[in-house]
Amino acid sequence: SPWFPDAPETVRADVIVPADLPGIGKVARDTGTIFVRTDAGADVAGTARSIRDTGAQVSTAAEWVGTVSAEARATNTVVLWVMLGPAGVYAAIAAVNAVLIGMSQRRRQTATARLLGATPAQVRRTTLWETVFTGAGALLVGGAIAGFTGWLVRQAVVRDVPDAPLTLPWQALSGITAACLVVLLAAAVAGAYALRGGEAPD
């Protein structure tokens, strides 16, 4: 079933080519991708060899699907990073801003804790742990939402393509998680040490 590059993907045609067709052994111009289906009991290796002798590249159905899937995944990964890049920068700025504003608005609570006997080191550790737990909660909620959305997309895909493989971008997910933790910890450390201003030593 040949594929016509300039036609919609739904256009297919079964073409029977006689073995004694004039010029069948000559190298033709580039025709794109052509799917060849042999009859039952045919010499598949011999057919592939004869096609390969014309200068064409021959691959099995599984190899072709694997190549196309790998190319599609690579393209999707690039698009994903391009889309997540600006969004990640804005999210990092918002996270740092929220942490620093929250710390600056808690100076009265910090002073109260100091009056109750808490040391500056204890106050800073409390601030760091609050940020860690807040960031972990945000990652869990975001991961749950992303997982549920992915499950919905998966259900829509397998309804049309039951054998579609499931691939998870573990590298991208790990990178995003690590970046979130680094940004939150950096903001927490900066805000915690900013609380030292005007504090008396222990």
C-alpha atoms as a PDB file:
ATOM      1  CA  SER A   1       0.000   0.000   0.000  1.00  0.00           C
ATOM      2  CA  PRO A   2       1.900   3.100  -1.159  1.00  0.00           C
ATOM      3  CA  TRP A   3       1.715   6.356   0.699  1.00  0.00           C
ATOM      4  CA  PHE A   4       1.288   9.550  -1.308  1.00  0.00           C
ATOM      5  CA  PRO A   5       3.340  12.383   0.250  1.00  0.00           C
ATOM      6  CA  ASP A   6       1.075  15.126  -1.121  1.00  0.00           C
ATOM      7  CA  ALA A   7      -2.205  13.452  -0.188  1.00  0.00           C
ATOM      8  CA  PRO A   8      -4.028  13.135   3.150  1.00  0.00           C
ATOM      9  CA  GLU A   9      -2.892  10.343   5.406  1.00  0.00           C
ATOM     10  CA  THR A  10      -6.188   8.508   4.895  1.00  0.00           C
ATOM     11  CA  VAL A  11      -5.516   7.971   1.183  1.00  0.00           C
ATOM     12  CA  ARG A  12      -4.271   4.430   0.586  1.00  0.00           C
ATOM     13  CA  ALA A  13      -4.220   2.178  -2.467  1.00  0.00           C
ATOM     14  CA  ASP A  14      -3.244  -1.441  -3.115  1.00  0.00           C
ATOM     15  CA  VAL A  15      -1.130  -1.699  -6.264  1.00  0.00           C
ATOM     16  CA  ILE A  16      -0.199  -5.000  -7.944  1.00  0.00           C
ATOM     17  CA  VAL A  17       3.072  -4.736  -9.890  1.00  0.00           C
ATOM     18  CA  PRO A  18       3.961  -7.547 -12.323  1.00  0.00           C
ATOM     19  CA  ALA A  19       7.461  -8.939 -12.026  1.00  0.00           C
ATOM     20  CA  ASP A  20       8.176  -8.403 -15.750  1.00  0.00           C
ATOM     21  CA  LEU A  21       7.216  -4.718 -15.753  1.00  0.00           C
ATOM     22  CA  PRO A  22       9.701  -2.820 -17.954  1.00  0.00           C
ATOM     23  CA  GLY A  23      12.113  -0.772 -15.913  1.00  0.00           C
ATOM     24  CA  ILE A  24      11.178  -2.447 -12.641  1.00  0.00           C
ATOM     25  CA  GLY A  25      14.832  -3.060 -11.869  1.00  0.00           C
ATOM     26  CA  LYS A  26      15.872   0.547 -12.373  1.00  0.00           C
ATOM     27  CA  VAL A  27      16.316   2.973  -9.526  1.00  0.00           C
ATOM     28  CA  ALA A  28      13.338   5.319  -9.515  1.00  0.00           C
ATOM     29  CA  ARG A  29      13.080   8.770  -8.044  1.00  0.00           C
ATOM     30  CA  ASP A  30      12.440   9.269  -4.357  1.00  0.00           C
ATOM     31  CA  THR A  31       8.820   8.349  -3.716  1.00  0.00           C
ATOM     32  CA  GLY A  32       8.729   8.697   0.058  1.00  0.00           C
ATOM     33  CA  THR A  33       7.555   5.827   2.230  1.00  0.00           C
ATOM     34  CA  ILE A  34       6.012   2.761   0.602  1.00  0.00           C
ATOM     35  CA  PHE A  35       4.434  -0.068   2.593  1.00  0.00           C
ATOM     36  CA  VAL A  36       4.878  -3.501   1.013  1.00  0.00           C
ATOM     37  CA  ARG A  37       2.686  -6.424   2.040  1.00  0.00           C
ATOM     38  CA  THR A  38       3.632  -9.873   0.767  1.00  0.00           C
ATOM     39  CA  ASP A  39       1.381 -12.847   0.227  1.00  0.00           C
ATOM     40  CA  ALA A  40       1.307 -15.737   2.658  1.00  0.00           C
ATOM     41  CA  GLY A  41       4.283 -18.026   2.117  1.00  0.00           C
ATOM     42  CA  ALA A  42       6.200 -15.494   0.020  1.00  0.00           C
ATOM     43  CA  ASP A  43       9.959 -15.125   0.323  1.00  0.00           C
ATOM     44  CA  VAL A  44      10.081 -12.058   2.547  1.00  0.00           C
ATOM     45  CA  ALA A  45      13.876 -11.975   2.700  1.00  0.00           C
ATOM     46  CA  GLY A  46      14.167 -12.246  -1.071  1.00  0.00           C
ATOM     47  CA  THR A  47      11.579  -9.524  -1.584  1.00  0.00           C
ATOM     48  CA  ALA A  48      13.374  -7.224   0.835  1.00  0.00           C
ATOM     49  CA  ARG A  49      16.693  -7.959  -0.866  1.00  0.00           C
ATOM     50  CA  SER A  50      15.309  -7.157  -4.312  1.00  0.00           C
ATOM     51  CA  ILE A  51      13.864  -3.885  -3.072  1.00  0.00           C
ATOM     52  CA  ARG A  52      17.095  -3.020  -1.294  1.00  0.00           C
ATOM     53  CA  ASP A  53      19.013  -3.612  -4.543  1.00  0.00           C
ATOM     54  CA  THR A  54      17.178  -0.639  -6.078  1.00  0.00           C
ATOM     55  CA  GLY A  55      18.801   1.651  -3.518  1.00  0.00           C
ATOM     56  CA  ALA A  56      15.785   1.879  -1.250  1.00  0.00           C
ATOM     57  CA  GLN A  57      15.970   1.529   2.504  1.00  0.00           C
ATOM     58  CA  VAL A  58      14.021  -1.477   3.760  1.00  0.00           C
ATOM     59  CA  SER A  59      12.786  -1.994   7.313  1.00  0.00           C
ATOM     60  CA  THR A  60      10.233  -4.205   8.975  1.00  0.00           C
ATOM     61  CA  ALA A  61       6.951  -2.859  10.295  1.00  0.00           C
ATOM     62  CA  ALA A  62       8.212  -2.996  13.879  1.00  0.00           C
ATOM     63  CA  GLU A  63      11.426  -1.173  12.962  1.00  0.00           C
ATOM     64  CA  TRP A  64       9.515   1.516  11.067  1.00  0.00           C
ATOM     65  CA  VAL A  65       7.072   2.042  13.936  1.00  0.00           C
ATOM     66  CA  GLY A  66       9.962   2.236  16.398  1.00  0.00           C
ATOM     67  CA  THR A  67      11.805   4.808  14.295  1.00  0.00           C
ATOM     68  CA  VAL A  68       8.731   6.977  13.780  1.00  0.00           C
ATOM     69  CA  SER A  69       7.817   6.738  17.471  1.00  0.00           C
ATOM     70  CA  ALA A  70      11.334   7.723  18.531  1.00  0.00           C
ATOM     71  CA  GLU A  71      11.298  10.722  16.198  1.00  0.00           C
ATOM     72  CA  ALA A  72       7.873  11.762  17.474  1.00  0.00           C
ATOM     73  CA  ARG A  73       8.986  11.445  21.093  1.00  0.00           C
ATOM     74  CA  ALA A  74      12.110  13.502  20.401  1.00  0.00           C
ATOM     75  CA  THR A  75      10.027  16.234  18.771  1.00  0.00           C
ATOM     76  CA  ASN A  76       7.501  16.170  21.611  1.00  0.00           C
ATOM     77  CA  THR A  77      10.305  16.468  24.151  1.00  0.00           C
ATOM     78  CA  VAL A  78      11.730  19.538  22.422  1.00  0.00           C
ATOM     79  CA  VAL A  79       8.276  21.134  22.237  1.00  0.00           C
ATOM     80  CA  LEU A  80       7.680  20.283  25.899  1.00  0.00           C
ATOM     81  CA  TRP A  81      10.876  21.993  27.023  1.00  0.00           C
ATOM     82  CA  VAL A  82      10.194  25.022  24.818  1.00  0.00           C
ATOM     83  CA  MET A  83       6.753  25.386  26.384  1.00  0.00           C
ATOM     84  CA  LEU A  84       7.920  24.689  29.928  1.00  0.00           C
ATOM     85  CA  GLY A  85      10.905  27.038  29.720  1.00  0.00           C
ATOM     86  CA  PRO A  86       9.120  30.398  30.070  1.00  0.00           C
ATOM     87  CA  ALA A  87       6.445  28.877  32.307  1.00  0.00           C
ATOM     88  CA  GLY A  88       9.134  27.440  34.581  1.00  0.00           C
ATOM     89  CA  VAL A  89      10.891  30.800  34.865  1.00  0.00           C
ATOM     90  CA  TYR A  90       7.641  32.554  35.803  1.00  0.00           C
ATOM     91  CA  ALA A  91       6.782  29.795  38.273  1.00  0.00           C
ATOM     92  CA  ALA A  92      10.224  30.060  39.889  1.00  0.00           C
ATOM     93  CA  ILE A  93       9.872  33.834  40.232  1.00  0.00           C
ATOM     94  CA  ALA A  94       6.408  33.403  41.762  1.00  0.00           C
ATOM     95  CA  ALA A  95       7.646  30.753  44.209  1.00  0.00           C
ATOM     96  CA  VAL A  96      10.606  32.850  45.365  1.00  0.00           C
ATOM     97  CA  ASN A  97       8.404  35.922  45.640  1.00  0.00           C
ATOM     98  CA  ALA A  98       5.786  34.063  47.694  1.00  0.00           C
ATOM     99  CA  VAL A  99       8.382  32.634  50.077  1.00  0.00           C
ATOM    100  CA  LEU A 100      10.160  35.951  50.623  1.00  0.00           C
ATOM    101  CA  ILE A 101       6.917  37.893  51.074  1.00  0.00           C
ATOM    102  CA  GLY A 102       5.651  35.307  53.535  1.00  0.00           C
ATOM    103  CA  MET A 103       8.826  35.587  55.578  1.00  0.00           C
ATOM    104  CA  SER A 104       8.813  39.376  55.555  1.00  0.00           C
ATOM    105  CA  GLN A 105       5.215  39.390  56.819  1.00  0.00           C
ATOM    106  CA  ARG A 106       6.050  37.069  59.695  1.00  0.00           C
ATOM    107  CA  ARG A 107       8.451  39.337  61.488  1.00  0.00           C
ATOM    108  CA  ARG A 108       5.933  39.847  64.299  1.00  0.00           C
ATOM    109  CA  GLN A 109       5.540  36.083  64.730  1.00  0.00           C
ATOM    110  CA  THR A 110       9.314  35.755  64.658  1.00  0.00           C
ATOM    111  CA  ALA A 111       9.690  38.393  67.348  1.00  0.00           C
ATOM    112  CA  THR A 112       7.046  36.635  69.455  1.00  0.00           C
ATOM    113  CA  ALA A 113       8.893  33.343  69.100  1.00  0.00           C
ATOM    114  CA  ARG A 114      12.096  35.058  70.201  1.00  0.00           C
ATOM    115  CA  LEU A 115      10.358  36.488  73.267  1.00  0.00           C
ATOM    116  CA  LEU A 116       9.161  32.989  74.132  1.00  0.00           C
ATOM    117  CA  GLY A 117      12.753  31.781  74.173  1.00  0.00           C
ATOM    118  CA  ALA A 118      13.399  30.580  70.626  1.00  0.00           C
ATOM    119  CA  THR A 119      16.908  31.213  69.352  1.00  0.00           C
ATOM    120  CA  PRO A 120      17.597  32.754  65.917  1.00  0.00           C
ATOM    121  CA  ALA A 121      18.909  29.380  64.726  1.00  0.00           C
ATOM    122  CA  GLN A 122      15.664  27.685  65.771  1.00  0.00           C
ATOM    123  CA  VAL A 123      13.611  30.324  63.977  1.00  0.00           C
ATOM    124  CA  ARG A 124      15.629  29.859  60.793  1.00  0.00           C
ATOM    125  CA  ARG A 125      15.325  26.078  60.951  1.00  0.00           C
ATOM    126  CA  THR A 126      11.566  26.399  61.454  1.00  0.00           C
ATOM    127  CA  THR A 127      11.349  28.640  58.406  1.00  0.00           C
ATOM    128  CA  LEU A 128      13.363  26.195  56.321  1.00  0.00           C
ATOM    129  CA  TRP A 129      11.206  23.235  57.325  1.00  0.00           C
ATOM    130  CA  GLU A 130       8.012  25.170  56.627  1.00  0.00           C
ATOM    131  CA  THR A 131       9.256  25.902  53.122  1.00  0.00           C
ATOM    132  CA  VAL A 132      10.291  22.272  52.569  1.00  0.00           C
ATOM    133  CA  PHE A 133       6.885  20.932  53.611  1.00  0.00           C
ATOM    134  CA  THR A 134       5.063  23.572  51.573  1.00  0.00           C
ATOM    135  CA  GLY A 135       7.132  22.752  48.487  1.00  0.00           C
ATOM    136  CA  ALA A 136       6.664  19.009  48.986  1.00  0.00           C
ATOM    137  CA  GLY A 137       2.912  19.478  49.280  1.00  0.00           C
ATOM    138  CA  ALA A 138       2.855  21.584  46.127  1.00  0.00           C
ATOM    139  CA  LEU A 139       4.848  18.937  44.237  1.00  0.00           C
ATOM    140  CA  LEU A 140       2.520  16.173  45.410  1.00  0.00           C
ATOM    141  CA  VAL A 141      -0.598  18.092  44.405  1.00  0.00           C
ATOM    142  CA  GLY A 142       0.922  19.058  41.053  1.00  0.00           C
ATOM    143  CA  GLY A 143       2.058  15.484  40.455  1.00  0.00           C
ATOM    144  CA  ALA A 144      -1.403  14.143  41.272  1.00  0.00           C
ATOM    145  CA  ILE A 145      -3.044  16.593  38.861  1.00  0.00           C
ATOM    146  CA  ALA A 146      -0.507  15.802  36.132  1.00  0.00           C
ATOM    147  CA  GLY A 147      -0.952  12.065  36.695  1.00  0.00           C
ATOM    148  CA  PHE A 148      -4.743  12.305  36.501  1.00  0.00           C
ATOM    149  CA  THR A 149      -4.544  14.401  33.329  1.00  0.00           C
ATOM    150  CA  GLY A 150      -2.116  11.905  31.797  1.00  0.00           C
ATOM    151  CA  TRP A 151      -4.448   9.051  32.704  1.00  0.00           C
ATOM    152  CA  LEU A 152      -7.337  10.787  30.935  1.00  0.00           C
ATOM    153  CA  VAL A 153      -5.202  11.334  27.834  1.00  0.00           C
ATOM    154  CA  ARG A 154      -4.076   7.711  27.975  1.00  0.00           C
ATOM    155  CA  GLN A 155      -7.670   6.487  28.066  1.00  0.00           C
ATOM    156  CA  ALA A 156      -8.500   8.579  25.006  1.00  0.00           C
ATOM    157  CA  VAL A 157      -5.474   7.208  23.130  1.00  0.00           C
ATOM    158  CA  VAL A 158      -5.984   3.519  23.904  1.00  0.00           C
ATOM    159  CA  ARG A 159      -9.600   3.805  22.846  1.00  0.00           C
ATOM    160  CA  ASP A 160      -8.383   4.316  19.275  1.00  0.00           C
ATOM    161  CA  VAL A 161      -4.975   2.597  19.498  1.00  0.00           C
ATOM    162  CA  PRO A 162      -5.198  -0.221  22.068  1.00  0.00           C
ATOM    163  CA  ASP A 163      -1.560  -1.276  21.609  1.00  0.00           C
ATOM    164  CA  ALA A 164      -0.100   2.222  22.009  1.00  0.00           C
ATOM    165  CA  PRO A 165       2.991   2.045  24.257  1.00  0.00           C
ATOM    166  CA  LEU A 166       3.083   4.004  27.488  1.00  0.00           C
ATOM    167  CA  THR A 167       6.174   6.168  27.879  1.00  0.00           C
ATOM    168  CA  LEU A 168       6.884   8.470  30.797  1.00  0.00           C
ATOM    169  CA  PRO A 169       9.393  11.350  30.508  1.00  0.00           C
ATOM    170  CA  TRP A 170      11.265  10.437  33.678  1.00  0.00           C
ATOM    171  CA  GLN A 171      14.219  12.664  32.823  1.00  0.00           C
ATOM    172  CA  ALA A 172      12.001  15.713  32.366  1.00  0.00           C
ATOM    173  CA  LEU A 173       9.960  14.944  35.483  1.00  0.00           C
ATOM    174  CA  SER A 174      13.090  14.465  37.593  1.00  0.00           C
ATOM    175  CA  GLY A 175      14.598  17.687  36.264  1.00  0.00           C
ATOM    176  CA  ILE A 176      11.448  19.683  37.022  1.00  0.00           C
ATOM    177  CA  THR A 177      11.205  18.246  40.544  1.00  0.00           C
ATOM    178  CA  ALA A 178      14.865  18.958  41.286  1.00  0.00           C
ATOM    179  CA  ALA A 179      14.577  22.497  39.919  1.00  0.00           C
ATOM    180  CA  CYS A 180      11.522  23.191  42.102  1.00  0.00           C
ATOM    181  CA  LEU A 181      13.280  21.933  45.219  1.00  0.00           C
ATOM    182  CA  VAL A 182      16.426  23.948  44.498  1.00  0.00           C
ATOM    183  CA  VAL A 183      14.441  27.142  43.900  1.00  0.00           C
ATOM    184  CA  LEU A 184      12.360  26.715  47.062  1.00  0.00           C
ATOM    185  CA  LEU A 185      15.365  25.884  49.229  1.00  0.00           C
ATOM    186  CA  ALA A 186      17.328  28.826  47.843  1.00  0.00           C
ATOM    187  CA  ALA A 187      14.428  31.171  48.580  1.00  0.00           C
ATOM    188  CA  ALA A 188      14.009  29.698  52.064  1.00  0.00           C
ATOM    189  CA  VAL A 189      17.704  30.076  52.872  1.00  0.00           C
ATOM    190  CA  ALA A 190      17.746  33.650  51.584  1.00  0.00           C
ATOM    191  CA  GLY A 191      14.653  34.572  53.572  1.00  0.00           C
ATOM    192  CA  ALA A 192      15.808  32.805  56.729  1.00  0.00           C
ATOM    193  CA  TYR A 193      19.128  34.595  56.775  1.00  0.00           C
ATOM    194  CA  ALA A 194      17.371  37.867  56.007  1.00  0.00           C
ATOM    195  CA  LEU A 195      15.580  37.434  59.342  1.00  0.00           C
ATOM    196  CA  ARG A 196      18.896  37.816  61.125  1.00  0.00           C
ATOM    197  CA  GLY A 197      18.875  41.532  60.479  1.00  0.00           C
ATOM    198  CA  GLY A 198      18.586  43.361  63.757  1.00  0.00           C
ATOM    199  CA  GLU A 199      18.633  40.200  65.869  1.00  0.00           C
ATOM    200  CA  ALA A 200      20.847  40.009  68.881  1.00  0.00           C
ATOM    201  CA  PRO A 201      23.269  37.101  69.144  1.00  0.00           C
ATOM    202  CA  ASP A 202      22.369  34.096  71.307  1.00  0.00           C
END
